[in-house]
Amino acid sequence: MTKKIFTKTITVLCSILMTMAFLTSGCSVASKKDKPAAATEEKKPITVEERAKKTEANMSTGRNTAIVQAAKKVGPAVVGITNKALVTDFFNRTQMMERGTGSGVIYDKSGLIATNNHVVAGAQEIVVSLPNGKTYPGKVLGTDATTDLAVVKIDAKEPLTVAEFGNSDDIMVGEPAIAIGNPLGLEFRGTVTAGVISALNRSINLGERKFKLIQTDAAINPGNSGGALVNADGQVIGINSAKVAVSGVEGIGFAIPINEAKPILKELANKGKVARPFIGASLIDKDVAEKYGINIDLRGGIFVAKLYQGGPAWKGGVRPNDIITKYNGKKVGNVSDLRDMINSSGIGTSVTITVLRGDEEVDLKVVLGEMPKQ
């Protein structure tokens, strides 16, 4: 009897163990069979572009501002420019070294880039860095020290993003201004700073000419030179050029108005220089006289201090100590106004310059020449 009970007990226990083993294996098989394939695969890392698209798709209208859109539109057209030149080290070895970096704006799909003259000045080699990290050798097509503008060209093997030029004559004080460039070197490439248009038609004296500038409080630091000043519509309205770097002075930056820059960039790209008319005279007006304490009776005109020998004014009969009072019949009292009149006349134009010689008023015919490079 005891033996039968023991045998039955063993049989029941074996059955229970076999049933548990089957259920366990069944669960295991089911779990392996039913497990989604995606869970076993490694997730691919999200690229910066994909993340940006995803972020933009989920952005609220409060975040997706005009500044965001302008930076997105123009940013890919702003490049870094590295100026390299041969230098001699302590051991008298000559090698190519980096002299500085700046910014530039691609404005033509052929690879034309607008930048500042001082960014490329003295360069024996130019390297252009695109926002995507690719670099190309750059060729300086032309420079103009007077306006601090230059044109660089690259032969890219890929489609280039081209910035859209706006109308700098239509901008208003107080409207948004966005500066895009590479402050402090390429490590900070594509930096975007925002502010407002602080003032229009600010001018600085460049030789005998006053040049109009846009003033902004958008931060413009070393390396931003040659970058873009952009409006809220994503249009380039200026080429960043200078920053007042004086102790205690912040938030004052300047840009060359794009309407002033466009004809200059065209000449630089086509001819390599800007041909300007001139009369060949060193002149003193009331502003210069007051600034340097020159005591002279200008009689409402401009004093001829010195003449360029063989120049247009000399050939036309103008002499030192004459006082220029009129240009083509229009009164002139300062050098900048006279310079603007001369520029509007063009090289080779015959003009009438009226001078006071003693108490006598004399009309002289002067054929405007081309200003020498120096």
Protein backbone atom coordinates (compact mmCIF):
# COMPACT_ATOMS: atom_id res chain seq x y z
CA MET A 1 0.00 0.00 0.00
CA THR A 2 2.73 2.39 0.96
CA LYS A 3 4.56 1.53 -2.23
CA LYS A 4 1.50 2.33 -4.36
CA ILE A 5 1.03 5.68 -2.64
CA PHE A 6 4.68 6.54 -3.19
CA THR A 7 4.47 5.58 -6.88
CA LYS A 8 1.35 7.73 -7.39
CA THR A 9 3.01 10.65 -5.63
CA ILE A 10 6.07 10.43 -7.87
CA THR A 11 3.82 10.26 -10.96
CA VAL A 12 1.86 13.38 -9.92
CA LEU A 13 5.02 15.34 -9.15
CA CYS A 14 6.51 14.45 -12.56
CA SER A 15 3.33 15.56 -14.28
CA ILE A 16 3.33 18.88 -12.44
CA LEU A 17 7.02 19.49 -13.29
CA MET A 18 6.46 18.67 -16.98
CA THR A 19 3.45 21.01 -17.12
CA MET A 20 5.43 23.89 -15.53
CA ALA A 21 8.35 23.32 -17.89
CA PHE A 22 6.01 23.46 -20.91
CA LEU A 23 4.31 26.63 -19.71
CA THR A 24 7.62 28.27 -19.01
CA SER A 25 9.04 27.39 -22.42
CA GLY A 26 5.81 28.47 -24.06
CA CYS A 27 5.97 31.86 -22.42
CA SER A 28 9.56 32.21 -23.45
CA VAL A 29 8.80 31.31 -27.05
CA ALA A 30 5.84 33.63 -27.11
CA SER A 31 7.85 36.48 -25.67
CA LYS A 32 10.56 36.02 -28.27
CA LYS A 33 8.05 35.67 -31.06
CA ASP A 34 5.87 38.61 -30.07
CA LYS A 35 8.71 41.06 -29.26
CA PRO A 36 8.70 43.94 -31.81
CA ALA A 37 11.66 43.96 -34.20
CA ALA A 38 12.18 47.69 -33.68
CA ALA A 39 12.99 47.15 -30.02
CA THR A 40 15.90 44.89 -30.90
CA GLU A 41 17.44 47.43 -33.32
CA GLU A 42 19.69 50.28 -32.20
CA LYS A 43 18.19 53.78 -32.56
CA LYS A 44 19.93 55.96 -35.13
CA PRO A 45 21.27 59.27 -33.78
CA ILE A 46 19.26 62.34 -34.80
CA THR A 47 21.20 64.78 -36.98
CA VAL A 48 21.34 68.51 -36.26
CA GLU A 49 19.24 69.21 -39.36
CA GLU A 50 16.59 66.67 -38.35
CA ARG A 51 16.45 68.03 -34.82
CA ALA A 52 16.14 71.59 -36.15
CA LYS A 53 13.24 70.60 -38.43
CA LYS A 54 11.52 68.79 -35.58
CA THR A 55 12.02 71.75 -33.25
CA GLU A 56 10.70 74.22 -35.81
CA ALA A 57 7.65 72.08 -36.50
CA ASN A 58 6.78 72.15 -32.80
CA MET A 59 7.62 75.81 -32.19
CA SER A 60 4.90 78.19 -31.11
CA THR A 61 4.36 81.43 -33.01
CA GLY A 62 5.77 83.25 -30.00
CA ARG A 63 9.11 81.49 -30.41
CA ASN A 64 9.24 81.35 -34.19
CA THR A 65 9.91 85.07 -34.50
CA ALA A 66 11.09 87.17 -37.43
CA ILE A 67 14.62 87.01 -36.00
CA VAL A 68 14.54 83.20 -36.09
CA GLN A 69 13.31 83.21 -39.68
CA ALA A 70 15.83 85.86 -40.78
CA ALA A 71 18.73 83.94 -39.22
CA LYS A 72 17.54 80.73 -40.88
CA LYS A 73 17.31 82.46 -44.26
CA VAL A 74 20.58 84.41 -44.28
CA GLY A 75 22.79 82.35 -41.96
CA PRO A 76 23.79 79.79 -44.64
CA ALA A 77 25.01 82.65 -46.87
CA VAL A 78 27.40 84.11 -44.26
CA VAL A 79 30.90 82.65 -44.47
CA GLY A 80 34.17 82.88 -42.58
CA ILE A 81 37.22 84.40 -44.27
CA THR A 82 40.73 83.60 -43.07
CA ASN A 83 43.57 85.90 -44.12
CA LYS A 84 46.96 84.16 -44.45
CA ALA A 85 50.35 85.63 -45.29
CA LEU A 86 54.02 84.63 -45.28
CA VAL A 87 55.85 85.59 -42.11
CA THR A 88 59.40 85.05 -40.87
CA ASP A 89 59.82 83.47 -37.45
CA PHE A 90 62.60 83.83 -34.86
CA PHE A 91 64.77 81.31 -36.71
CA ASN A 92 64.38 83.23 -40.02
CA ARG A 93 62.09 80.55 -41.43
CA THR A 94 59.32 81.69 -43.78
CA GLN A 95 55.92 80.08 -43.40
CA MET A 96 52.29 80.77 -44.12
CA MET A 97 50.49 82.01 -41.01
CA GLU A 98 46.98 83.13 -40.20
CA ARG A 99 46.80 86.92 -39.86
CA GLY A 100 43.16 87.23 -38.92
CA THR A 101 39.61 86.17 -39.64
CA GLY A 102 36.47 87.98 -40.71
CA SER A 103 33.13 87.38 -42.32
CA GLY A 104 31.60 87.60 -45.77
CA VAL A 105 28.22 87.39 -47.49
CA ILE A 106 27.58 85.24 -50.59
CA TYR A 107 25.56 87.43 -52.94
CA ASP A 108 25.86 85.58 -56.26
CA LYS A 109 25.52 81.87 -57.06
CA SER A 110 28.77 81.99 -59.05
CA GLY A 111 30.58 82.29 -55.71
CA LEU A 112 30.91 86.07 -55.30
CA ILE A 113 31.33 87.16 -51.67
CA ALA A 114 31.08 90.68 -50.25
CA THR A 115 33.39 91.50 -47.36
CA ASN A 116 35.51 94.32 -45.92
CA ASN A 117 38.77 95.52 -47.43
CA HIS A 118 40.57 95.28 -44.09
CA VAL A 119 39.57 91.60 -43.80
CA VAL A 120 41.57 90.65 -46.91
CA ALA A 121 44.22 93.41 -46.89
CA GLY A 122 47.76 92.07 -47.30
CA ALA A 123 46.60 88.48 -47.77
CA GLN A 124 48.70 86.08 -49.82
CA GLU A 125 46.16 83.33 -49.31
CA ILE A 126 42.43 83.42 -48.57
CA VAL A 127 40.47 80.52 -47.11
CA VAL A 128 36.67 80.69 -47.17
CA SER A 129 34.78 78.53 -44.65
CA LEU A 130 31.14 77.70 -45.39
CA PRO A 131 28.63 77.24 -42.55
CA ASN A 132 28.58 73.48 -43.25
CA GLY A 133 32.29 73.26 -42.41
CA LYS A 134 33.63 72.93 -45.96
CA THR A 135 36.47 75.22 -47.00
CA TYR A 136 37.51 76.62 -50.37
CA PRO A 137 40.44 78.77 -51.51
CA GLY A 138 39.29 82.31 -52.21
CA LYS A 139 40.47 84.80 -54.82
CA VAL A 140 40.33 88.54 -54.16
CA LEU A 141 38.75 90.11 -57.27
CA GLY A 142 38.96 93.70 -56.06
CA THR A 143 39.31 95.97 -53.05
CA ASP A 144 38.40 99.55 -52.21
CA ALA A 145 40.08 101.03 -49.17
CA THR A 146 37.98 104.19 -49.33
CA THR A 147 34.72 102.37 -48.58
CA ASP A 148 36.32 99.34 -46.85
CA LEU A 149 34.69 96.94 -49.31
CA ALA A 150 36.11 93.95 -51.16
CA VAL A 151 34.90 91.08 -53.34
CA VAL A 152 36.17 87.51 -52.98
CA LYS A 153 35.31 84.60 -55.29
CA ILE A 154 35.25 80.87 -54.66
CA ASP A 155 34.72 77.98 -57.09
CA ALA A 156 32.42 75.78 -55.03
CA LYS A 157 31.48 72.23 -56.05
CA GLU A 158 28.05 72.54 -54.49
CA PRO A 159 25.03 74.84 -54.74
CA LEU A 160 25.53 77.95 -52.63
CA THR A 161 22.93 79.77 -50.55
CA VAL A 162 22.74 83.35 -51.82
CA ALA A 163 21.67 86.24 -49.60
CA GLU A 164 18.93 88.56 -50.83
CA PHE A 165 19.78 92.26 -50.88
CA GLY A 166 17.14 94.62 -49.52
CA ASN A 167 16.63 98.37 -49.90
CA SER A 168 18.64 100.31 -47.33
CA ASP A 169 16.89 103.55 -48.32
CA ASP A 170 13.59 102.22 -46.92
CA ILE A 171 14.73 101.25 -43.43
CA MET A 172 13.50 103.15 -40.38
CA VAL A 173 14.97 103.98 -37.00
CA GLY A 174 13.70 101.52 -34.40
CA GLU A 175 13.03 98.58 -36.70
CA PRO A 176 14.72 95.24 -35.89
CA ALA A 177 18.30 94.71 -37.03
CA ILE A 178 20.06 91.33 -36.99
CA ALA A 179 23.86 91.01 -37.30
CA ILE A 180 25.24 87.66 -38.49
CA GLY A 181 28.95 86.89 -38.55
CA ASN A 182 31.92 85.22 -36.88
CA PRO A 183 32.96 87.29 -33.87
CA LEU A 184 36.28 86.39 -32.25
CA GLY A 185 37.11 83.82 -34.94
CA LEU A 186 35.57 80.79 -36.63
CA GLU A 187 34.96 79.04 -33.31
CA PHE A 188 31.94 81.33 -32.95
CA ARG A 189 30.84 81.09 -36.58
CA GLY A 190 27.27 81.95 -37.46
CA THR A 191 26.72 84.09 -34.35
CA VAL A 192 23.43 86.00 -34.44
CA THR A 193 22.92 89.20 -32.45
CA ALA A 194 19.80 91.33 -32.57
CA GLY A 195 18.95 94.93 -31.86
CA VAL A 196 17.42 97.85 -33.70
CA ILE A 197 18.39 100.42 -36.29
CA SER A 198 19.73 103.18 -34.06
CA ALA A 199 20.28 105.89 -36.66
CA LEU A 200 20.45 106.49 -40.40
CA ASN A 201 22.90 108.46 -42.51
CA ARG A 202 25.63 108.55 -39.91
CA SER A 203 28.71 109.76 -41.74
CA ILE A 204 32.45 109.53 -41.35
CA ASN A 205 35.06 111.50 -43.27
CA LEU A 206 37.11 109.35 -45.63
CA GLY A 207 39.64 111.69 -47.16
CA GLU A 208 37.62 114.30 -49.03
CA ARG A 209 34.40 112.29 -48.89
CA LYS A 210 31.73 111.70 -46.31
CA PHE A 211 30.44 108.15 -46.32
CA LYS A 212 26.98 107.24 -45.09
CA LEU A 213 26.64 104.47 -42.52
CA ILE A 214 23.85 102.67 -40.68
CA GLN A 215 24.15 102.74 -36.89
CA THR A 216 22.84 99.79 -34.89
CA ASP A 217 23.00 98.50 -31.34
CA ALA A 218 23.18 94.85 -32.49
CA ALA A 219 26.50 93.61 -31.10
CA ILE A 220 29.27 93.79 -33.72
CA ASN A 221 32.61 92.47 -32.50
CA PRO A 222 35.99 91.77 -34.11
CA GLY A 223 35.42 89.06 -36.71
CA ASN A 224 31.93 90.35 -37.55
CA SER A 225 33.54 92.63 -40.13
CA GLY A 226 32.18 91.81 -43.57
CA GLY A 227 29.13 90.01 -42.17
CA ALA A 228 25.50 90.81 -42.84
CA LEU A 229 23.16 93.30 -41.21
CA VAL A 230 19.69 91.94 -41.89
CA ASN A 231 16.14 93.26 -41.54
CA ALA A 232 13.17 91.32 -40.18
CA ASP A 233 12.30 90.10 -43.69
CA GLY A 234 15.65 88.31 -43.99
CA GLN A 235 17.10 90.82 -46.46
CA VAL A 236 20.66 92.14 -46.23
CA ILE A 237 20.50 95.91 -45.67
CA GLY A 238 24.14 96.48 -44.80
CA ILE A 239 27.66 95.05 -44.63
CA ASN A 240 28.97 95.24 -41.07
CA SER A 241 32.12 97.32 -41.00
CA ALA A 242 33.15 98.90 -37.73
CA LYS A 243 32.49 99.03 -34.01
CA VAL A 244 33.28 101.85 -31.63
CA ALA A 245 35.75 100.14 -29.31
CA VAL A 246 36.23 102.84 -26.70
CA SER A 247 36.20 102.24 -22.96
CA GLY A 248 32.73 102.93 -21.61
CA VAL A 249 31.10 102.91 -25.07
CA GLU A 250 28.93 99.91 -25.90
CA GLY A 251 26.13 99.15 -28.30
CA ILE A 252 27.35 101.32 -31.18
CA GLY A 253 28.03 99.44 -34.41
CA PHE A 254 28.09 100.52 -38.03
CA ALA A 255 27.27 98.95 -41.38
CA ILE A 256 27.73 100.11 -44.96
CA PRO A 257 24.24 100.59 -46.48
CA ILE A 258 23.68 97.95 -49.14
CA ASN A 259 22.43 100.53 -51.65
CA GLU A 260 25.78 102.31 -51.32
CA ALA A 261 27.66 99.01 -51.53
CA LYS A 262 25.96 97.45 -54.58
CA PRO A 263 27.51 99.62 -57.33
CA ILE A 264 30.91 99.40 -55.65
CA LEU A 265 30.71 95.59 -55.41
CA LYS A 266 29.76 95.45 -59.09
CA GLU A 267 32.81 97.50 -60.11
CA LEU A 268 35.11 95.50 -57.88
CA ALA A 269 33.86 92.21 -59.34
CA ASN A 270 34.12 93.41 -62.94
CA LYS A 271 37.13 95.75 -62.89
CA GLY A 272 38.97 94.99 -59.66
CA LYS A 273 38.82 98.60 -58.52
CA VAL A 274 36.52 101.61 -58.22
CA ALA A 275 37.37 104.35 -60.70
CA ARG A 276 36.63 107.73 -59.15
CA PRO A 277 36.87 111.16 -60.79
CA PHE A 278 39.02 113.85 -59.20
CA ILE A 279 40.30 117.36 -59.84
CA GLY A 280 43.68 116.92 -58.14
CA ALA A 281 43.68 119.51 -55.38
CA SER A 282 44.23 119.68 -51.63
CA LEU A 283 41.41 121.81 -50.26
CA ILE A 284 40.52 123.56 -47.01
CA ASP A 285 36.93 124.30 -46.07
CA LYS A 286 35.49 125.93 -42.94
CA ASP A 287 35.31 122.62 -41.03
CA VAL A 288 38.98 121.83 -41.67
CA ALA A 289 40.00 125.41 -40.86
CA GLU A 290 38.18 125.31 -37.52
CA LYS A 291 39.48 121.85 -36.66
CA TYR A 292 43.15 122.78 -37.20
CA GLY A 293 42.94 126.41 -36.12
CA ILE A 294 43.71 127.83 -39.58
CA ASN A 295 42.94 131.54 -39.65
CA ILE A 296 41.85 132.27 -43.21
CA ASP A 297 39.02 134.16 -44.88
CA LEU A 298 37.32 131.58 -47.09
CA ARG A 299 34.67 134.06 -48.26
CA GLY A 300 32.08 131.29 -48.26
CA GLY A 301 34.12 128.97 -50.51
CA ILE A 302 36.90 126.37 -50.44
CA PHE A 303 40.56 127.35 -50.33
CA VAL A 304 42.97 125.66 -52.78
CA ALA A 305 46.03 124.85 -50.67
CA LYS A 306 47.94 122.65 -53.09
CA LEU A 307 47.58 121.21 -56.60
CA TYR A 308 48.51 117.86 -58.07
CA GLN A 309 51.07 118.81 -60.75
CA GLY A 310 49.70 117.91 -64.16
CA GLY A 311 46.31 117.07 -62.66
CA PRO A 312 42.91 118.14 -64.03
CA ALA A 313 42.62 121.34 -61.95
CA TRP A 314 46.18 122.41 -62.84
CA LYS A 315 45.54 121.83 -66.54
CA GLY A 316 42.27 123.76 -66.28
CA GLY A 317 43.98 126.85 -64.86
CA VAL A 318 43.22 126.55 -61.13
CA ARG A 319 46.08 127.84 -58.99
CA PRO A 320 47.09 127.70 -55.30
CA ASN A 321 45.39 130.34 -53.11
CA ASP A 322 42.30 130.37 -55.38
CA ILE A 323 38.96 130.02 -53.58
CA ILE A 324 36.46 127.68 -55.26
CA THR A 325 32.95 129.13 -54.93
CA LYS A 326 30.88 127.29 -57.57
CA TYR A 327 30.77 123.97 -59.40
CA ASN A 328 28.81 124.03 -62.65
CA GLY A 329 27.10 127.16 -61.41
CA LYS A 330 26.11 125.72 -58.00
CA LYS A 331 27.56 127.24 -54.83
CA VAL A 332 29.83 125.01 -52.75
CA GLY A 333 31.07 125.66 -49.24
CA ASN A 334 32.58 122.37 -48.06
CA VAL A 335 34.77 119.64 -49.50
CA SER A 336 32.32 116.77 -49.02
CA ASP A 337 29.64 118.50 -51.09
CA LEU A 338 32.17 119.24 -53.82
CA ARG A 339 33.31 115.61 -53.76
CA ASP A 340 29.71 114.41 -54.19
CA MET A 341 29.27 116.74 -57.17
CA ILE A 342 32.50 115.51 -58.75
CA ASN A 343 31.51 111.85 -58.25
CA SER A 344 28.14 112.44 -59.90
CA SER A 345 29.86 113.99 -62.94
CA GLY A 346 32.06 111.06 -63.88
CA ILE A 347 35.55 110.64 -65.33
CA GLY A 348 36.22 112.57 -68.53
CA THR A 349 33.43 115.10 -67.94
CA SER A 350 34.16 118.77 -68.66
CA VAL A 351 32.92 120.94 -65.77
CA THR A 352 32.98 124.62 -64.92
CA ILE A 353 34.77 125.56 -61.70
CA THR A 354 34.34 129.14 -60.54
CA VAL A 355 37.12 130.58 -58.40
CA LEU A 356 37.82 133.84 -56.63
CA ARG A 357 41.29 135.11 -57.50
CA GLY A 358 41.76 138.21 -55.44
CA ASP A 359 38.50 140.07 -55.99
CA GLU A 360 37.94 138.70 -59.46
CA GLU A 361 35.58 135.78 -60.13
CA VAL A 362 36.91 133.46 -62.88
CA ASP A 363 35.17 130.54 -64.64
CA LEU A 364 37.54 127.69 -65.56
CA LYS A 365 36.95 124.57 -67.66
CA VAL A 366 38.26 121.43 -65.99
CA VAL A 367 38.15 117.91 -67.47
CA LEU A 368 37.83 115.42 -64.60
CA GLY A 369 40.49 112.71 -64.49
CA GLU A 370 40.67 109.33 -62.77
CA MET A 371 41.87 109.35 -59.19
CA PRO A 372 45.24 107.61 -58.84
CA LYS A 373 45.37 104.49 -56.69
CA GLN A 374 47.45 106.30 -54.07
